[in-house]
Amino acid sequence: FAQDPLAQDGGLDRMLYNLYMMRYFQYVDNLEHIFNTGQGVVTERSPFSDWIYFDSAYNQGWIDRTTKAHYWKMRNMTIDRILRPNLIIHLDAPTDVVMSKIRARAQTTHPWEKN
């Protein structure tokens, strides 16, 4: 995908849809944990923010209009079945700042993030 996003016919479409469904099921598991234990859960992404990536790929021309319509149809059928998160935090930083912090961290505690 990184070399040619359009190489596989519909590959990105399927990947993004499957990622949405995996996030949806993981979110359901997280809700189960909350209800069973009373503990909170922190997630990196949720089904509620997943549409941003799908729309961005569509705006780049990597996804067909009919696929986008199908995604939104399926999302609208599933998203109202789960509780919304109490808090969403969106972190935004310039790429050069993030990369410099990753490089600094790689030198001390996370050597696998070197490249």
PDB file of N, CA and C in Angstrom:
ATOM      1  N   PHE A   1       0.811  -1.192   0.000  1.00  0.00           N
ATOM      2  CA  PHE A   1       0.000   0.000   0.000  1.00  0.00           C
ATOM      3  C   PHE A   1       0.857   1.260   0.000  1.00  0.00           C
ATOM      4  N   ALA A   2       1.936   1.270   0.769  1.00  0.00           N
ATOM      5  CA  ALA A   2       2.757   2.473   0.890  1.00  0.00           C
ATOM      6  C   ALA A   2       3.372   2.868  -0.453  1.00  0.00           C
ATOM      7  N   GLN A   3       3.687   1.899  -1.310  1.00  0.00           N
ATOM      8  CA  GLN A   3       4.281   2.218  -2.599  1.00  0.00           C
ATOM      9  C   GLN A   3       3.232   2.560  -3.646  1.00  0.00           C
ATOM     10  N   ASP A   4       2.078   1.902  -3.609  1.00  0.00           N
ATOM     11  CA  ASP A   4       1.011   2.171  -4.567  1.00  0.00           C
ATOM     12  C   ASP A   4      -0.339   1.869  -3.926  1.00  0.00           C
ATOM     13  N   PRO A   5      -1.038   2.893  -3.443  1.00  0.00           N
ATOM     14  CA  PRO A   5      -2.305   2.670  -2.733  1.00  0.00           C
ATOM     15  C   PRO A   5      -3.391   2.041  -3.604  1.00  0.00           C
ATOM     16  N   LEU A   6      -3.261   2.143  -4.909  1.00  0.00           N
ATOM     17  CA  LEU A   6      -4.291   1.619  -5.804  1.00  0.00           C
ATOM     18  C   LEU A   6      -3.912   0.277  -6.424  1.00  0.00           C
ATOM     19  N   ALA A   7      -2.817  -0.318  -5.966  1.00  0.00           N
ATOM     20  CA  ALA A   7      -2.302  -1.538  -6.591  1.00  0.00           C
ATOM     21  C   ALA A   7      -3.287  -2.702  -6.516  1.00  0.00           C
ATOM     22  N   GLN A   8      -3.838  -2.958  -5.364  1.00  0.00           N
ATOM     23  CA  GLN A   8      -4.787  -4.061  -5.226  1.00  0.00           C
ATOM     24  C   GLN A   8      -6.192  -3.509  -5.437  1.00  0.00           C
ATOM     25  N   ASP A   9      -6.945  -4.156  -6.256  1.00  0.00           N
ATOM     26  CA  ASP A   9      -8.292  -3.678  -6.564  1.00  0.00           C
ATOM     27  C   ASP A   9      -9.183  -3.766  -5.328  1.00  0.00           C
ATOM     28  N   GLY A  10      -9.419  -2.636  -4.695  1.00  0.00           N
ATOM     29  CA  GLY A  10     -10.264  -2.607  -3.508  1.00  0.00           C
ATOM     30  C   GLY A  10      -9.576  -3.055  -2.239  1.00  0.00           C
ATOM     31  N   GLY A  11      -8.265  -3.219  -2.259  1.00  0.00           N
ATOM     32  CA  GLY A  11      -7.552  -3.688  -1.079  1.00  0.00           C
ATOM     33  C   GLY A  11      -7.645  -2.724   0.091  1.00  0.00           C
ATOM     34  N   LEU A  12      -7.480  -1.438  -0.187  1.00  0.00           N
ATOM     35  CA  LEU A  12      -7.569  -0.445   0.878  1.00  0.00           C
ATOM     36  C   LEU A  12      -8.987  -0.358   1.417  1.00  0.00           C
ATOM     37  N   ASP A  13      -9.974  -0.468   0.536  1.00  0.00           N
ATOM     38  CA  ASP A  13     -11.374  -0.436   0.958  1.00  0.00           C
ATOM     39  C   ASP A  13     -11.648  -1.531   1.981  1.00  0.00           C
ATOM     40  N   ARG A  14     -11.229  -2.744   1.628  1.00  0.00           N
ATOM     41  CA  ARG A  14     -11.460  -3.880   2.520  1.00  0.00           C
ATOM     42  C   ARG A  14     -10.684  -3.725   3.826  1.00  0.00           C
ATOM     43  N   MET A  15      -9.441  -3.236   3.712  1.00  0.00           N
ATOM     44  CA  MET A  15      -8.627  -3.092   4.911  1.00  0.00           C
ATOM     45  C   MET A  15      -9.256  -2.093   5.883  1.00  0.00           C
ATOM     46  N   LEU A  16      -9.663  -0.931   5.389  1.00  0.00           N
ATOM     47  CA  LEU A  16     -10.244   0.078   6.276  1.00  0.00           C
ATOM     48  C   LEU A  16     -11.570  -0.385   6.873  1.00  0.00           C
ATOM     49  N   TYR A  17     -12.377  -1.072   6.077  1.00  0.00           N
ATOM     50  CA  TYR A  17     -13.636  -1.587   6.607  1.00  0.00           C
ATOM     51  C   TYR A  17     -13.391  -2.644   7.683  1.00  0.00           C
ATOM     52  N   ASN A  18     -12.451  -3.545   7.429  1.00  0.00           N
ATOM     53  CA  ASN A  18     -12.126  -4.574   8.424  1.00  0.00           C
ATOM     54  C   ASN A  18     -11.534  -3.960   9.688  1.00  0.00           C
ATOM     55  N   LEU A  19     -10.722  -2.908   9.544  1.00  0.00           N
ATOM     56  CA  LEU A  19     -10.195  -2.227  10.720  1.00  0.00           C
ATOM     57  C   LEU A  19     -11.317  -1.591  11.528  1.00  0.00           C
ATOM     58  N   TYR A  20     -12.310  -1.024  10.843  1.00  0.00           N
ATOM     59  CA  TYR A  20     -13.454  -0.453  11.555  1.00  0.00           C
ATOM     60  C   TYR A  20     -14.170  -1.540  12.352  1.00  0.00           C
ATOM     61  N   MET A  21     -14.428  -2.676  11.720  1.00  0.00           N
ATOM     62  CA  MET A  21     -15.140  -3.749  12.403  1.00  0.00           C
ATOM     63  C   MET A  21     -14.320  -4.290  13.582  1.00  0.00           C
ATOM     64  N   MET A  22     -12.998  -4.401  13.415  1.00  0.00           N
ATOM     65  CA  MET A  22     -12.158  -4.866  14.520  1.00  0.00           C
ATOM     66  C   MET A  22     -12.194  -3.867  15.678  1.00  0.00           C
ATOM     67  N   ARG A  23     -12.142  -2.572  15.359  1.00  0.00           N
ATOM     68  CA  ARG A  23     -12.234  -1.555  16.416  1.00  0.00           C
ATOM     69  C   ARG A  23     -13.594  -1.601  17.100  1.00  0.00           C
ATOM     70  N   TYR A  24     -14.632  -1.842  16.316  1.00  0.00           N
ATOM     71  CA  TYR A  24     -15.981  -1.926  16.868  1.00  0.00           C
ATOM     72  C   TYR A  24     -16.074  -3.069  17.878  1.00  0.00           C
ATOM     73  N   PHE A  25     -15.596  -4.248  17.490  1.00  0.00           N
ATOM     74  CA  PHE A  25     -15.653  -5.405  18.392  1.00  0.00           C
ATOM     75  C   PHE A  25     -14.739  -5.220  19.602  1.00  0.00           C
ATOM     76  N   GLN A  26     -13.582  -4.600  19.410  1.00  0.00           N
ATOM     77  CA  GLN A  26     -12.701  -4.316  20.537  1.00  0.00           C
ATOM     78  C   GLN A  26     -13.384  -3.337  21.493  1.00  0.00           C
ATOM     79  N   TYR A  27     -14.093  -2.365  20.954  1.00  0.00           N
ATOM     80  CA  TYR A  27     -14.800  -1.398  21.784  1.00  0.00           C
ATOM     81  C   TYR A  27     -15.905  -2.088  22.585  1.00  0.00           C
ATOM     82  N   VAL A  28     -16.590  -3.034  21.965  1.00  0.00           N
ATOM     83  CA  VAL A  28     -17.609  -3.807  22.680  1.00  0.00           C
ATOM     84  C   VAL A  28     -16.965  -4.599  23.820  1.00  0.00           C
ATOM     85  N   ASP A  29     -15.804  -5.192  23.569  1.00  0.00           N
ATOM     86  CA  ASP A  29     -15.079  -5.898  24.630  1.00  0.00           C
ATOM     87  C   ASP A  29     -14.672  -4.937  25.747  1.00  0.00           C
ATOM     88  N   ASN A  30     -14.258  -3.729  25.383  1.00  0.00           N
ATOM     89  CA  ASN A  30     -13.902  -2.728  26.388  1.00  0.00           C
ATOM     90  C   ASN A  30     -15.110  -2.358  27.244  1.00  0.00           C
ATOM     91  N   LEU A  31     -16.264  -2.197  26.613  1.00  0.00           N
ATOM     92  CA  LEU A  31     -17.480  -1.893  27.372  1.00  0.00           C
ATOM     93  C   LEU A  31     -17.822  -3.038  28.318  1.00  0.00           C
ATOM     94  N   GLU A  32     -17.638  -4.264  27.857  1.00  0.00           N
ATOM     95  CA  GLU A  32     -17.882  -5.422  28.716  1.00  0.00           C
ATOM     96  C   GLU A  32     -16.977  -5.370  29.945  1.00  0.00           C
ATOM     97  N   HIS A  33     -15.715  -5.023  29.733  1.00  0.00           N
ATOM     98  CA  HIS A  33     -14.773  -4.913  30.852  1.00  0.00           C
ATOM     99  C   HIS A  33     -15.229  -3.832  31.837  1.00  0.00           C
ATOM    100  N   ILE A  34     -15.657  -2.699  31.313  1.00  0.00           N
ATOM    101  CA  ILE A  34     -16.126  -1.610  32.181  1.00  0.00           C
ATOM    102  C   ILE A  34     -17.322  -2.052  33.002  1.00  0.00           C
ATOM    103  N   PHE A  35     -18.283  -2.693  32.357  1.00  0.00           N
ATOM    104  CA  PHE A  35     -19.500  -3.103  33.059  1.00  0.00           C
ATOM    105  C   PHE A  35     -19.252  -4.214  34.067  1.00  0.00           C
ATOM    106  N   ASN A  36     -18.302  -5.108  33.775  1.00  0.00           N
ATOM    107  CA  ASN A  36     -18.026  -6.227  34.668  1.00  0.00           C
ATOM    108  C   ASN A  36     -17.126  -5.855  35.841  1.00  0.00           C
ATOM    109  N   THR A  37     -16.215  -4.912  35.639  1.00  0.00           N
ATOM    110  CA  THR A  37     -15.249  -4.602  36.698  1.00  0.00           C
ATOM    111  C   THR A  37     -15.416  -3.210  37.293  1.00  0.00           C
ATOM    112  N   GLY A  38     -16.033  -2.307  36.563  1.00  0.00           N
ATOM    113  CA  GLY A  38     -16.147  -0.923  37.024  1.00  0.00           C
ATOM    114  C   GLY A  38     -14.898  -0.103  36.773  1.00  0.00           C
ATOM    115  N   GLN A  39     -13.889  -0.726  36.178  1.00  0.00           N
ATOM    116  CA  GLN A  39     -12.649  -0.015  35.861  1.00  0.00           C
ATOM    117  C   GLN A  39     -12.797   0.721  34.530  1.00  0.00           C
ATOM    118  N   GLY A  40     -12.010   1.758  34.357  1.00  0.00           N
ATOM    119  CA  GLY A  40     -12.006   2.489  33.097  1.00  0.00           C
ATOM    120  C   GLY A  40     -11.122   1.824  32.064  1.00  0.00           C
ATOM    121  N   VAL A  41     -11.235   2.255  30.837  1.00  0.00           N
ATOM    122  CA  VAL A  41     -10.444   1.713  29.733  1.00  0.00           C
ATOM    123  C   VAL A  41      -9.920   2.880  28.902  1.00  0.00           C
ATOM    124  N   VAL A  42      -8.644   2.802  28.522  1.00  0.00           N
ATOM    125  CA  VAL A  42      -8.049   3.793  27.637  1.00  0.00           C
ATOM    126  C   VAL A  42      -7.750   3.099  26.315  1.00  0.00           C
ATOM    127  N   THR A  43      -8.247   3.671  25.223  1.00  0.00           N
ATOM    128  CA  THR A  43      -7.990   3.103  23.901  1.00  0.00           C
ATOM    129  C   THR A  43      -7.299   4.133  23.024  1.00  0.00           C
ATOM    130  N   GLU A  44      -6.566   3.634  22.053  1.00  0.00           N
ATOM    131  CA  GLU A  44      -5.857   4.534  21.140  1.00  0.00           C
ATOM    132  C   GLU A  44      -6.812   5.122  20.112  1.00  0.00           C
ATOM    133  N   ARG A  45      -7.681   4.313  19.569  1.00  0.00           N
ATOM    134  CA  ARG A  45      -8.688   4.780  18.615  1.00  0.00           C
ATOM    135  C   ARG A  45      -9.976   4.045  18.903  1.00  0.00           C
ATOM    136  N   SER A  46     -11.075   4.608  18.419  1.00  0.00           N
ATOM    137  CA  SER A  46     -12.371   3.979  18.645  1.00  0.00           C
ATOM    138  C   SER A  46     -13.180   4.021  17.359  1.00  0.00           C
ATOM    139  N   PRO A  47     -14.278   3.276  17.293  1.00  0.00           N
ATOM    140  CA  PRO A  47     -15.126   3.317  16.102  1.00  0.00           C
ATOM    141  C   PRO A  47     -15.719   4.707  15.860  1.00  0.00           C
ATOM    142  N   PHE A  48     -15.769   5.530  16.883  1.00  0.00           N
ATOM    143  CA  PHE A  48     -16.344   6.861  16.741  1.00  0.00           C
ATOM    144  C   PHE A  48     -15.427   7.819  15.985  1.00  0.00           C
ATOM    145  N   SER A  49     -14.143   7.537  15.946  1.00  0.00           N
ATOM    146  CA  SER A  49     -13.215   8.404  15.224  1.00  0.00           C
ATOM    147  C   SER A  49     -12.686   7.762  13.945  1.00  0.00           C
ATOM    148  N   ASP A  50     -13.102   6.560  13.657  1.00  0.00           N
ATOM    149  CA  ASP A  50     -12.561   5.816  12.528  1.00  0.00           C
ATOM    150  C   ASP A  50     -12.942   6.418  11.177  1.00  0.00           C
ATOM    151  N   TRP A  51     -14.065   7.078  11.101  1.00  0.00           N
ATOM    152  CA  TRP A  51     -14.533   7.629   9.823  1.00  0.00           C
ATOM    153  C   TRP A  51     -13.565   8.651   9.248  1.00  0.00           C
ATOM    154  N   ILE A  52     -12.750   9.278  10.091  1.00  0.00           N
ATOM    155  CA  ILE A  52     -11.805  10.288   9.621  1.00  0.00           C
ATOM    156  C   ILE A  52     -10.826   9.678   8.625  1.00  0.00           C
ATOM    157  N   TYR A  53     -10.343   8.484   8.919  1.00  0.00           N
ATOM    158  CA  TYR A  53      -9.372   7.826   8.047  1.00  0.00           C
ATOM    159  C   TYR A  53     -10.022   7.385   6.747  1.00  0.00           C
ATOM    160  N   PHE A  54     -11.248   6.930   6.823  1.00  0.00           N
ATOM    161  CA  PHE A  54     -11.959   6.502   5.620  1.00  0.00           C
ATOM    162  C   PHE A  54     -12.220   7.689   4.709  1.00  0.00           C
ATOM    163  N   ASP A  55     -12.678   8.801   5.279  1.00  0.00           N
ATOM    164  CA  ASP A  55     -12.934   9.992   4.473  1.00  0.00           C
ATOM    165  C   ASP A  55     -11.653  10.572   3.892  1.00  0.00           C
ATOM    166  N   SER A  56     -10.570  10.524   4.637  1.00  0.00           N
ATOM    167  CA  SER A  56      -9.287  11.017   4.117  1.00  0.00           C
ATOM    168  C   SER A  56      -8.833  10.189   2.918  1.00  0.00           C
ATOM    169  N   ALA A  57      -8.977   8.879   3.015  1.00  0.00           N
ATOM    170  CA  ALA A  57      -8.600   8.014   1.894  1.00  0.00           C
ATOM    171  C   ALA A  57      -9.502   8.289   0.688  1.00  0.00           C
ATOM    172  N   TYR A  58     -10.779   8.548   0.931  1.00  0.00           N
ATOM    173  CA  TYR A  58     -11.692   8.886  -0.163  1.00  0.00           C
ATOM    174  C   TYR A  58     -11.285  10.209  -0.817  1.00  0.00           C
ATOM    175  N   ASN A  59     -10.936  11.195  -0.005  1.00  0.00           N
ATOM    176  CA  ASN A  59     -10.531  12.497  -0.539  1.00  0.00           C
ATOM    177  C   ASN A  59      -9.242  12.417  -1.346  1.00  0.00           C
ATOM    178  N   GLN A  60      -8.402  11.424  -1.062  1.00  0.00           N
ATOM    179  CA  GLN A  60      -7.181  11.216  -1.834  1.00  0.00           C
ATOM    180  C   GLN A  60      -7.443  10.445  -3.132  1.00  0.00           C
ATOM    181  N   GLY A  61      -8.658   9.938  -3.289  1.00  0.00           N
ATOM    182  CA  GLY A  61      -8.984   9.177  -4.489  1.00  0.00           C
ATOM    183  C   GLY A  61      -8.637   7.712  -4.394  1.00  0.00           C
ATOM    184  N   TRP A  62      -8.356   7.234  -3.203  1.00  0.00           N
ATOM    185  CA  TRP A  62      -7.953   5.842  -3.019  1.00  0.00           C
ATOM    186  C   TRP A  62      -9.142   4.919  -2.841  1.00  0.00           C
ATOM    187  N   ILE A  63     -10.317   5.482  -2.581  1.00  0.00           N
ATOM    188  CA  ILE A  63     -11.514   4.685  -2.307  1.00  0.00           C
ATOM    189  C   ILE A  63     -12.639   5.149  -3.224  1.00  0.00           C
ATOM    190  N   ASP A  64     -13.399   4.216  -3.719  1.00  0.00           N
ATOM    191  CA  ASP A  64     -14.502   4.502  -4.633  1.00  0.00           C
ATOM    192  C   ASP A  64     -15.697   5.093  -3.885  1.00  0.00           C
ATOM    193  N   ARG A  65     -16.503   5.862  -4.598  1.00  0.00           N
ATOM    194  CA  ARG A  65     -17.682   6.492  -4.009  1.00  0.00           C
ATOM    195  C   ARG A  65     -18.675   5.466  -3.483  1.00  0.00           C
ATOM    196  N   THR A  66     -18.852   4.361  -4.206  1.00  0.00           N
ATOM    197  CA  THR A  66     -19.806   3.339  -3.753  1.00  0.00           C
ATOM    198  C   THR A  66     -19.317   2.653  -2.476  1.00  0.00           C
ATOM    199  N   THR A  67     -18.003   2.492  -2.355  1.00  0.00           N
ATOM    200  CA  THR A  67     -17.447   1.908  -1.137  1.00  0.00           C
ATOM    201  C   THR A  67     -17.663   2.840   0.045  1.00  0.00           C
ATOM    202  N   LYS A  68     -17.477   4.142  -0.176  1.00  0.00           N
ATOM    203  CA  LYS A  68     -17.708   5.101   0.895  1.00  0.00           C
ATOM    204  C   LYS A  68     -19.172   5.065   1.333  1.00  0.00           C
ATOM    205  N   ALA A  69     -20.082   4.983   0.369  1.00  0.00           N
ATOM    206  CA  ALA A  69     -21.511   4.913   0.708  1.00  0.00           C
ATOM    207  C   ALA A  69     -21.808   3.655   1.511  1.00  0.00           C
ATOM    208  N   HIS A  70     -21.208   2.521   1.133  1.00  0.00           N
ATOM    209  CA  HIS A  70     -21.410   1.270   1.870  1.00  0.00           C
ATOM    210  C   HIS A  70     -20.843   1.382   3.290  1.00  0.00           C
ATOM    211  N   TYR A  71     -19.664   1.976   3.412  1.00  0.00           N
ATOM    212  CA  TYR A  71     -19.054   2.153   4.733  1.00  0.00           C
ATOM    213  C   TYR A  71     -19.982   2.957   5.636  1.00  0.00           C
ATOM    214  N   TRP A  72     -20.484   4.079   5.148  1.00  0.00           N
ATOM    215  CA  TRP A  72     -21.347   4.920   5.965  1.00  0.00           C
ATOM    216  C   TRP A  72     -22.664   4.218   6.299  1.00  0.00           C
ATOM    217  N   LYS A  73     -23.165   3.417   5.368  1.00  0.00           N
ATOM    218  CA  LYS A  73     -24.392   2.659   5.647  1.00  0.00           C
ATOM    219  C   LYS A  73     -24.152   1.674   6.790  1.00  0.00           C
ATOM    220  N   MET A  74     -23.057   0.929   6.714  1.00  0.00           N
ATOM    221  CA  MET A  74     -22.741  -0.052   7.750  1.00  0.00           C
ATOM    222  C   MET A  74     -22.403   0.642   9.080  1.00  0.00           C
ATOM    223  N   ARG A  75     -21.689   1.751   9.007  1.00  0.00           N
ATOM    224  CA  ARG A  75     -21.344   2.485  10.224  1.00  0.00           C
ATOM    225  C   ARG A  75     -22.612   2.982  10.912  1.00  0.00           C
ATOM    226  N   ASN A  76     -23.524   3.551  10.159  1.00  0.00           N
ATOM    227  CA  ASN A  76     -24.761   4.066  10.738  1.00  0.00           C
ATOM    228  C   ASN A  76     -25.627   2.957  11.326  1.00  0.00           C
ATOM    229  N   MET A  77     -25.495   1.739  10.795  1.00  0.00           N
ATOM    230  CA  MET A  77     -26.254   0.613  11.333  1.00  0.00           C
ATOM    231  C   MET A  77     -25.644   0.073  12.627  1.00  0.00           C
ATOM    232  N   THR A  78     -24.341   0.286  12.832  1.00  0.00           N
ATOM    233  CA  THR A  78     -23.669  -0.314  13.987  1.00  0.00           C
ATOM    234  C   THR A  78     -23.336   0.683  15.096  1.00  0.00           C
ATOM    235  N   ILE A  79     -23.051   1.920  14.748  1.00  0.00           N
ATOM    236  CA  ILE A  79     -22.490   2.845  15.732  1.00  0.00           C
ATOM    237  C   ILE A  79     -23.485   3.220  16.823  1.00  0.00           C
ATOM    238  N   ASP A  80     -24.776   3.230  16.519  1.00  0.00           N
ATOM    239  CA  ASP A  80     -25.740   3.620  17.549  1.00  0.00           C
ATOM    240  C   ASP A  80     -26.071   2.483  18.506  1.00  0.00           C
ATOM    241  N   ARG A  81     -25.454   1.334  18.324  1.00  0.00           N
ATOM    242  CA  ARG A  81     -25.670   0.183  19.213  1.00  0.00           C
ATOM    243  C   ARG A  81     -24.749   0.185  20.429  1.00  0.00           C
ATOM    244  N   ILE A  82     -23.754   1.061  20.421  1.00  0.00           N
ATOM    245  CA  ILE A  82     -22.786   1.091  21.524  1.00  0.00           C
ATOM    246  C   ILE A  82     -22.795   2.475  22.171  1.00  0.00           C
ATOM    247  N   LEU A  83     -22.361   2.502  23.427  1.00  0.00           N
ATOM    248  CA  LEU A  83     -22.300   3.759  24.162  1.00  0.00           C
ATOM    249  C   LEU A  83     -21.138   4.616  23.670  1.00  0.00           C
ATOM    250  N   ARG A  84     -21.373   5.909  23.628  1.00  0.00           N
ATOM    251  CA  ARG A  84     -20.314   6.837  23.249  1.00  0.00           C
ATOM    252  C   ARG A  84     -19.306   6.951  24.391  1.00  0.00           C
ATOM    253  N   PRO A  85     -18.050   7.232  24.057  1.00  0.00           N
ATOM    254  CA  PRO A  85     -17.060   7.421  25.118  1.00  0.00           C
ATOM    255  C   PRO A  85     -17.352   8.687  25.919  1.00  0.00           C
ATOM    256  N   ASN A  86     -16.937   8.692  27.170  1.00  0.00           N
ATOM    257  CA  ASN A  86     -17.121   9.867  28.015  1.00  0.00           C
ATOM    258  C   ASN A  86     -16.156  10.990  27.649  1.00  0.00           C
ATOM    259  N   LEU A  87     -15.005  10.632  27.121  1.00  0.00           N
ATOM    260  CA  LEU A  87     -13.984  11.621  26.818  1.00  0.00           C
ATOM    261  C   LEU A  87     -13.192  11.182  25.599  1.00  0.00           C
ATOM    262  N   ILE A  88     -12.971  12.111  24.682  1.00  0.00           N
ATOM    263  CA  ILE A  88     -12.106  11.870  23.525  1.00  0.00           C
ATOM    264  C   ILE A  88     -11.055  12.960  23.526  1.00  0.00           C
ATOM    265  N   ILE A  89      -9.800  12.560  23.478  1.00  0.00           N
ATOM    266  CA  ILE A  89      -8.698  13.515  23.425  1.00  0.00           C
ATOM    267  C   ILE A  89      -7.991  13.331  22.095  1.00  0.00           C
ATOM    268  N   HIS A  90      -7.872  14.403  21.349  1.00  0.00           N
ATOM    269  CA  HIS A  90      -7.169  14.370  20.066  1.00  0.00           C
ATOM    270  C   HIS A  90      -5.856  15.107  20.240  1.00  0.00           C
ATOM    271  N   LEU A  91      -4.759  14.395  20.075  1.00  0.00           N
ATOM    272  CA  LEU A  91      -3.436  14.998  20.200  1.00  0.00           C
ATOM    273  C   LEU A  91      -2.948  15.393  18.818  1.00  0.00           C
ATOM    274  N   ASP A  92      -2.503  16.623  18.705  1.00  0.00           N
ATOM    275  CA  ASP A  92      -2.037  17.119  17.415  1.00  0.00           C
ATOM    276  C   ASP A  92      -0.682  17.789  17.612  1.00  0.00           C
ATOM    277  N   ALA A  93       0.304  17.365  16.835  1.00  0.00           N
ATOM    278  CA  ALA A  93       1.641  17.946  16.922  1.00  0.00           C
ATOM    279  C   ALA A  93       2.276  17.906  15.543  1.00  0.00           C
ATOM    280  N   PRO A  94       3.152  18.841  15.250  1.00  0.00           N
ATOM    281  CA  PRO A  94       3.852  18.820  13.963  1.00  0.00           C
ATOM    282  C   PRO A  94       4.712  17.561  13.834  1.00  0.00           C
ATOM    283  N   THR A  95       4.858  17.093  12.614  1.00  0.00           N
ATOM    284  CA  THR A  95       5.599  15.857  12.350  1.00  0.00           C
ATOM    285  C   THR A  95       7.040  15.941  12.830  1.00  0.00           C
ATOM    286  N   ASP A  96       7.705  17.064  12.617  1.00  0.00           N
ATOM    287  CA  ASP A  96       9.106  17.174  13.023  1.00  0.00           C
ATOM    288  C   ASP A  96       9.268  17.086  14.541  1.00  0.00           C
ATOM    289  N   VAL A  97       8.316  17.618  15.287  1.00  0.00           N
ATOM    290  CA  VAL A  97       8.362  17.516  16.745  1.00  0.00           C
ATOM    291  C   VAL A  97       8.171  16.065  17.180  1.00  0.00           C
ATOM    292  N   VAL A  98       7.197  15.389  16.588  1.00  0.00           N
ATOM    293  CA  VAL A  98       6.935  13.988  16.934  1.00  0.00           C
ATOM    294  C   VAL A  98       8.147  13.126  16.597  1.00  0.00           C
ATOM    295  N   MET A  99       8.724  13.316  15.401  1.00  0.00           N
ATOM    296  CA  MET A  99       9.871  12.506  14.993  1.00  0.00           C
ATOM    297  C   MET A  99      11.081  12.758  15.904  1.00  0.00           C
ATOM    298  N   SER A 100      11.322  13.993  16.309  1.00  0.00           N
ATOM    299  CA  SER A 100      12.458  14.262  17.193  1.00  0.00           C
ATOM    300  C   SER A 100      12.256  13.610  18.555  1.00  0.00           C
ATOM    301  N   LYS A 101      11.024  13.599  19.049  1.00  0.00           N
ATOM    302  CA  LYS A 101      10.755  12.942  20.336  1.00  0.00           C
ATOM    303  C   LYS A 101      10.899  11.427  20.222  1.00  0.00           C
ATOM    304  N   ILE A 102      10.494  10.864  19.089  1.00  0.00           N
ATOM    305  CA  ILE A 102      10.658   9.420  18.881  1.00  0.00           C
ATOM    306  C   ILE A 102      12.144   9.071  18.827  1.00  0.00           C
ATOM    307  N   ARG A 103      12.935   9.872  18.108  1.00  0.00           N
ATOM    308  CA  ARG A 103      14.377   9.611  18.027  1.00  0.00           C
ATOM    309  C   ARG A 103      15.038   9.712  19.403  1.00  0.00           C
ATOM    310  N   ALA A 104      14.648  10.705  20.184  1.00  0.00           N
ATOM    311  CA  ALA A 104      15.223  10.868  21.532  1.00  0.00           C
ATOM    312  C   ALA A 104      14.847   9.688  22.418  1.00  0.00           C
ATOM    313  N   ARG A 105      13.606   9.241  22.297  1.00  0.00           N
ATOM    314  CA  ARG A 105      13.150   8.100  23.091  1.00  0.00           C
ATOM    315  C   ARG A 105      13.863   6.827  22.653  1.00  0.00           C
ATOM    316  N   ALA A 106      14.146   6.701  21.357  1.00  0.00           N
ATOM    317  CA  ALA A 106      14.822   5.508  20.839  1.00  0.00           C
ATOM    318  C   ALA A 106      16.238   5.390  21.394  1.00  0.00           C
ATOM    319  N   GLN A 107      16.871   6.516  21.671  1.00  0.00           N
ATOM    320  CA  GLN A 107      18.237   6.478  22.204  1.00  0.00           C
ATOM    321  C   GLN A 107      18.278   6.058  23.661  1.00  0.00           C
ATOM    322  N   THR A 108      17.181   6.238  24.368  1.00  0.00           N
ATOM    323  CA  THR A 108      17.190   5.928  25.803  1.00  0.00           C
ATOM    324  C   THR A 108      16.426   4.663  26.168  1.00  0.00           C
ATOM    325  N   THR A 109      15.160   4.599  25.794  1.00  0.00           N
ATOM    326  CA  THR A 109      14.337   3.494  26.318  1.00  0.00           C
ATOM    327  C   THR A 109      13.681   2.638  25.258  1.00  0.00           C
ATOM    328  N   HIS A 110      13.558   3.086  24.026  1.00  0.00           N
ATOM    329  CA  HIS A 110      12.859   2.334  22.985  1.00  0.00           C
ATOM    330  C   HIS A 110      13.734   2.167  21.740  1.00  0.00           C
ATOM    331  N   PRO A 111      14.779   1.350  21.796  1.00  0.00           N
ATOM    332  CA  PRO A 111      15.686   1.232  20.656  1.00  0.00           C
ATOM    333  C   PRO A 111      15.050   0.677  19.388  1.00  0.00           C
ATOM    334  N   TRP A 112      13.959  -0.050  19.501  1.00  0.00           N
ATOM    335  CA  TRP A 112      13.292  -0.605  18.330  1.00  0.00           C
ATOM    336  C   TRP A 112      12.605   0.481  17.487  1.00  0.00           C
ATOM    337  N   GLU A 113      12.474   1.694  18.018  1.00  0.00           N
ATOM    338  CA  GLU A 113      11.859   2.790  17.266  1.00  0.00           C
ATOM    339  C   GLU A 113      12.902   3.655  16.569  1.00  0.00           C
ATOM    340  N   LYS A 114      14.120   3.156  16.468  1.00  0.00           N
ATOM    341  CA  LYS A 114      15.222   3.915  15.911  1.00  0.00           C
ATOM    342  C   LYS A 114      14.966   4.365  14.473  1.00  0.00           C
ATOM    343  N   ASN A 115      14.434   3.495  13.658  1.00  0.00           N
ATOM    344  CA  ASN A 115      14.203   3.839  12.247  1.00  0.00           C
ATOM    345  C   ASN A 115      12.754   4.139  12.016  1.00  0.00           C
TER     346      ASN A 115
END
